[in-house]
Amino acid sequence: MNELILQSYIKKLKKEHIKEYAKNNDIILQNNEVDIIYEYLTKYFKIFYNGDPTNLFFELKNKLSPNTYNKLVKLYKEAKEKIKN
């Protein structure tokens, strides 16, 4: 059920949503980081939600600034904990 809700949200996701979320979480996105994050969220949301995103995070580590990457991983882990509980 939650996956269907997430899929619906992802279909409506805009790059502006990512920029606003980043700003609200003190993440300053550089250059094309919005495009990269948007691409990974829209293509791989099922893996981030249900699978093992280790390889995806490895790819992102090479594409994002260290600060953005570290904060993104932290936010992801916090979100996964909330989902579990």
N, C-alpha and C. Protein backbone atom coordinates (compact mmCIF):
# COMPACT_ATOMS: atom_id res chain seq x y z
N MET A 1 0.82 -1.20 0.00
CA MET A 1 0.00 0.00 0.00
C MET A 1 0.86 1.26 0.00
N ASN A 2 1.85 1.32 0.88
CA ASN A 2 2.71 2.49 0.93
C ASN A 2 3.46 2.71 -0.37
N GLU A 3 3.82 1.62 -1.05
CA GLU A 3 4.53 1.74 -2.32
C GLU A 3 3.65 2.41 -3.37
N LEU A 4 2.36 2.13 -3.35
CA LEU A 4 1.45 2.78 -4.30
C LEU A 4 1.34 4.28 -4.05
N ILE A 5 1.32 4.65 -2.79
CA ILE A 5 1.28 6.07 -2.43
C ILE A 5 2.57 6.74 -2.88
N LEU A 6 3.70 6.08 -2.62
CA LEU A 6 5.00 6.62 -3.02
C LEU A 6 5.08 6.75 -4.54
N GLN A 7 4.61 5.76 -5.26
CA GLN A 7 4.63 5.80 -6.72
C GLN A 7 3.81 6.98 -7.24
N SER A 8 2.68 7.22 -6.62
CA SER A 8 1.84 8.35 -7.00
C SER A 8 2.55 9.68 -6.75
N TYR A 9 3.23 9.76 -5.62
CA TYR A 9 3.98 10.98 -5.29
C TYR A 9 5.13 11.19 -6.27
N ILE A 10 5.84 10.13 -6.60
CA ILE A 10 6.99 10.23 -7.51
C ILE A 10 6.53 10.73 -8.88
N LYS A 11 5.37 10.29 -9.33
CA LYS A 11 4.85 10.74 -10.62
C LYS A 11 4.60 12.24 -10.64
N LYS A 12 4.30 12.81 -9.49
CA LYS A 12 4.01 14.25 -9.38
C LYS A 12 5.23 15.07 -9.00
N LEU A 13 6.33 14.39 -8.67
CA LEU A 13 7.53 15.07 -8.19
C LEU A 13 8.11 15.99 -9.25
N LYS A 14 8.46 17.18 -8.82
CA LYS A 14 9.10 18.17 -9.69
C LYS A 14 10.45 18.54 -9.08
N LYS A 15 11.32 19.05 -9.91
CA LYS A 15 12.64 19.44 -9.44
C LYS A 15 12.55 20.55 -8.39
N GLU A 16 11.54 21.37 -8.48
CA GLU A 16 11.33 22.42 -7.49
C GLU A 16 11.09 21.84 -6.10
N HIS A 17 10.40 20.68 -6.04
CA HIS A 17 10.17 20.01 -4.76
C HIS A 17 11.50 19.60 -4.13
N ILE A 18 12.41 19.10 -4.95
CA ILE A 18 13.72 18.69 -4.45
C ILE A 18 14.50 19.89 -3.95
N LYS A 19 14.46 20.97 -4.69
CA LYS A 19 15.16 22.20 -4.27
C LYS A 19 14.62 22.69 -2.93
N GLU A 20 13.32 22.71 -2.78
CA GLU A 20 12.70 23.18 -1.55
C GLU A 20 13.02 22.25 -0.38
N TYR A 21 12.94 20.97 -0.60
CA TYR A 21 13.25 20.00 0.46
C TYR A 21 14.70 20.14 0.90
N ALA A 22 15.59 20.29 -0.06
CA ALA A 22 17.01 20.47 0.26
C ALA A 22 17.20 21.75 1.08
N LYS A 23 16.58 22.81 0.64
CA LYS A 23 16.70 24.09 1.36
C LYS A 23 16.19 23.96 2.78
N ASN A 24 15.08 23.28 2.97
CA ASN A 24 14.50 23.09 4.30
C ASN A 24 15.37 22.22 5.20
N ASN A 25 16.26 21.45 4.60
CA ASN A 25 17.15 20.57 5.36
C ASN A 25 18.60 21.04 5.31
N ASP A 26 18.79 22.32 5.03
CA ASP A 26 20.13 22.94 5.02
C ASP A 26 21.10 22.27 4.07
N ILE A 27 20.61 21.89 2.91
CA ILE A 27 21.46 21.32 1.88
C ILE A 27 21.53 22.33 0.74
N ILE A 28 22.72 22.75 0.43
CA ILE A 28 22.92 23.67 -0.68
C ILE A 28 23.34 22.84 -1.90
N LEU A 29 22.43 22.71 -2.83
CA LEU A 29 22.68 21.90 -4.02
C LEU A 29 23.54 22.68 -5.01
N GLN A 30 24.51 22.00 -5.58
CA GLN A 30 25.42 22.62 -6.52
C GLN A 30 25.14 22.14 -7.94
N ASN A 31 25.43 23.00 -8.89
CA ASN A 31 25.38 22.69 -10.32
C ASN A 31 24.18 21.82 -10.70
N ASN A 32 24.44 20.62 -11.15
CA ASN A 32 23.37 19.76 -11.66
C ASN A 32 22.90 18.73 -10.64
N GLU A 33 23.12 18.96 -9.36
CA GLU A 33 22.74 18.00 -8.34
C GLU A 33 21.23 17.77 -8.29
N VAL A 34 20.45 18.78 -8.56
CA VAL A 34 19.00 18.61 -8.59
C VAL A 34 18.62 17.61 -9.68
N ASP A 35 19.24 17.75 -10.84
CA ASP A 35 18.96 16.84 -11.94
C ASP A 35 19.34 15.40 -11.59
N ILE A 36 20.48 15.24 -10.95
CA ILE A 36 20.95 13.90 -10.58
C ILE A 36 20.01 13.27 -9.56
N ILE A 37 19.66 14.01 -8.53
CA ILE A 37 18.76 13.49 -7.49
C ILE A 37 17.40 13.16 -8.08
N TYR A 38 16.89 14.04 -8.92
CA TYR A 38 15.60 13.81 -9.56
C TYR A 38 15.63 12.52 -10.40
N GLU A 39 16.69 12.36 -11.18
CA GLU A 39 16.83 11.17 -12.01
C GLU A 39 16.83 9.89 -11.16
N TYR A 40 17.61 9.89 -10.09
CA TYR A 40 17.70 8.70 -9.25
C TYR A 40 16.39 8.42 -8.52
N LEU A 41 15.73 9.46 -8.05
CA LEU A 41 14.45 9.24 -7.37
C LEU A 41 13.39 8.68 -8.31
N THR A 42 13.30 9.23 -9.49
CA THR A 42 12.25 8.80 -10.41
C THR A 42 12.54 7.42 -11.01
N LYS A 43 13.80 7.11 -11.25
CA LYS A 43 14.14 5.82 -11.85
C LYS A 43 14.21 4.69 -10.84
N TYR A 44 14.68 4.99 -9.64
CA TYR A 44 15.03 3.93 -8.70
C TYR A 44 14.28 4.00 -7.36
N PHE A 45 13.15 4.67 -7.33
CA PHE A 45 12.46 4.83 -6.05
C PHE A 45 12.10 3.49 -5.42
N LYS A 46 11.79 2.49 -6.23
CA LYS A 46 11.43 1.18 -5.68
C LYS A 46 12.62 0.52 -4.99
N ILE A 47 13.80 0.71 -5.54
CA ILE A 47 15.00 0.16 -4.90
C ILE A 47 15.28 0.90 -3.59
N PHE A 48 15.14 2.22 -3.60
CA PHE A 48 15.35 2.99 -2.37
C PHE A 48 14.33 2.60 -1.31
N TYR A 49 13.13 2.30 -1.73
CA TYR A 49 12.06 1.98 -0.78
C TYR A 49 12.15 0.54 -0.28
N ASN A 50 12.30 -0.42 -1.19
CA ASN A 50 12.23 -1.84 -0.82
C ASN A 50 13.52 -2.62 -0.96
N GLY A 51 14.44 -2.13 -1.76
CA GLY A 51 15.61 -2.92 -2.10
C GLY A 51 16.86 -2.51 -1.33
N ASP A 52 17.98 -2.87 -1.91
CA ASP A 52 19.28 -2.53 -1.34
C ASP A 52 19.92 -1.47 -2.24
N PRO A 53 19.88 -0.22 -1.81
CA PRO A 53 20.39 0.86 -2.65
C PRO A 53 21.89 1.11 -2.53
N THR A 54 22.64 0.16 -2.01
CA THR A 54 24.07 0.34 -1.79
C THR A 54 24.78 0.78 -3.07
N ASN A 55 24.51 0.08 -4.17
CA ASN A 55 25.16 0.44 -5.44
C ASN A 55 24.74 1.82 -5.92
N LEU A 56 23.49 2.16 -5.69
CA LEU A 56 23.01 3.49 -6.10
C LEU A 56 23.71 4.58 -5.30
N PHE A 57 23.87 4.35 -4.00
CA PHE A 57 24.57 5.34 -3.19
C PHE A 57 26.04 5.44 -3.58
N PHE A 58 26.64 4.32 -3.99
CA PHE A 58 28.02 4.34 -4.46
C PHE A 58 28.13 5.22 -5.70
N GLU A 59 27.18 5.09 -6.62
CA GLU A 59 27.16 5.93 -7.82
C GLU A 59 26.97 7.40 -7.45
N LEU A 60 26.02 7.65 -6.55
CA LEU A 60 25.74 9.03 -6.14
C LEU A 60 26.94 9.68 -5.46
N LYS A 61 27.70 8.90 -4.74
CA LYS A 61 28.88 9.43 -4.05
C LYS A 61 29.85 10.05 -5.04
N ASN A 62 29.91 9.50 -6.23
CA ASN A 62 30.81 10.01 -7.27
C ASN A 62 30.20 11.15 -8.08
N LYS A 63 28.90 11.37 -7.93
CA LYS A 63 28.22 12.39 -8.73
C LYS A 63 27.86 13.65 -7.94
N LEU A 64 27.76 13.52 -6.62
CA LEU A 64 27.34 14.64 -5.78
C LEU A 64 28.52 15.17 -4.96
N SER A 65 28.39 16.40 -4.51
CA SER A 65 29.42 16.94 -3.62
C SER A 65 29.40 16.15 -2.32
N PRO A 66 30.53 16.08 -1.63
CA PRO A 66 30.57 15.32 -0.37
C PRO A 66 29.52 15.79 0.64
N ASN A 67 29.33 17.08 0.75
CA ASN A 67 28.36 17.62 1.70
C ASN A 67 26.94 17.19 1.34
N THR A 68 26.58 17.33 0.08
CA THR A 68 25.25 16.92 -0.37
C THR A 68 25.06 15.43 -0.17
N TYR A 69 26.04 14.65 -0.56
CA TYR A 69 25.96 13.21 -0.42
C TYR A 69 25.75 12.80 1.04
N ASN A 70 26.56 13.31 1.93
CA ASN A 70 26.47 12.94 3.35
C ASN A 70 25.12 13.30 3.95
N LYS A 71 24.63 14.48 3.62
CA LYS A 71 23.33 14.89 4.16
C LYS A 71 22.20 14.06 3.55
N LEU A 72 22.34 13.73 2.28
CA LEU A 72 21.33 12.90 1.62
C LEU A 72 21.26 11.51 2.25
N VAL A 73 22.41 10.92 2.52
CA VAL A 73 22.44 9.60 3.16
C VAL A 73 21.83 9.68 4.55
N LYS A 74 22.13 10.72 5.28
CA LYS A 74 21.58 10.89 6.63
C LYS A 74 20.04 10.99 6.57
N LEU A 75 19.53 11.79 5.64
CA LEU A 75 18.08 11.94 5.50
C LEU A 75 17.44 10.62 5.08
N TYR A 76 18.10 9.88 4.22
CA TYR A 76 17.59 8.59 3.79
C TYR A 76 17.48 7.63 4.97
N LYS A 77 18.53 7.55 5.76
CA LYS A 77 18.53 6.64 6.91
C LYS A 77 17.44 7.02 7.91
N GLU A 78 17.26 8.32 8.14
CA GLU A 78 16.21 8.78 9.05
C GLU A 78 14.83 8.39 8.50
N ALA A 79 14.64 8.55 7.20
CA ALA A 79 13.34 8.21 6.60
C ALA A 79 13.08 6.71 6.69
N LYS A 80 14.10 5.90 6.43
CA LYS A 80 13.94 4.45 6.51
C LYS A 80 13.59 4.01 7.94
N GLU A 81 14.16 4.65 8.93
CA GLU A 81 13.84 4.34 10.33
C GLU A 81 12.38 4.66 10.62
N LYS A 82 11.90 5.79 10.12
CA LYS A 82 10.50 6.17 10.34
C LYS A 82 9.57 5.16 9.66
N ILE A 83 9.94 4.67 8.50
CA ILE A 83 9.11 3.69 7.79
C ILE A 83 9.03 2.39 8.58
N LYS A 84 10.15 1.98 9.15
CA LYS A 84 10.18 0.73 9.91
C LYS A 84 9.30 0.79 11.16
N ASN A 85 9.24 1.95 11.78
CA ASN A 85 8.49 2.10 13.02
C ASN A 85 7.12 2.50 12.72
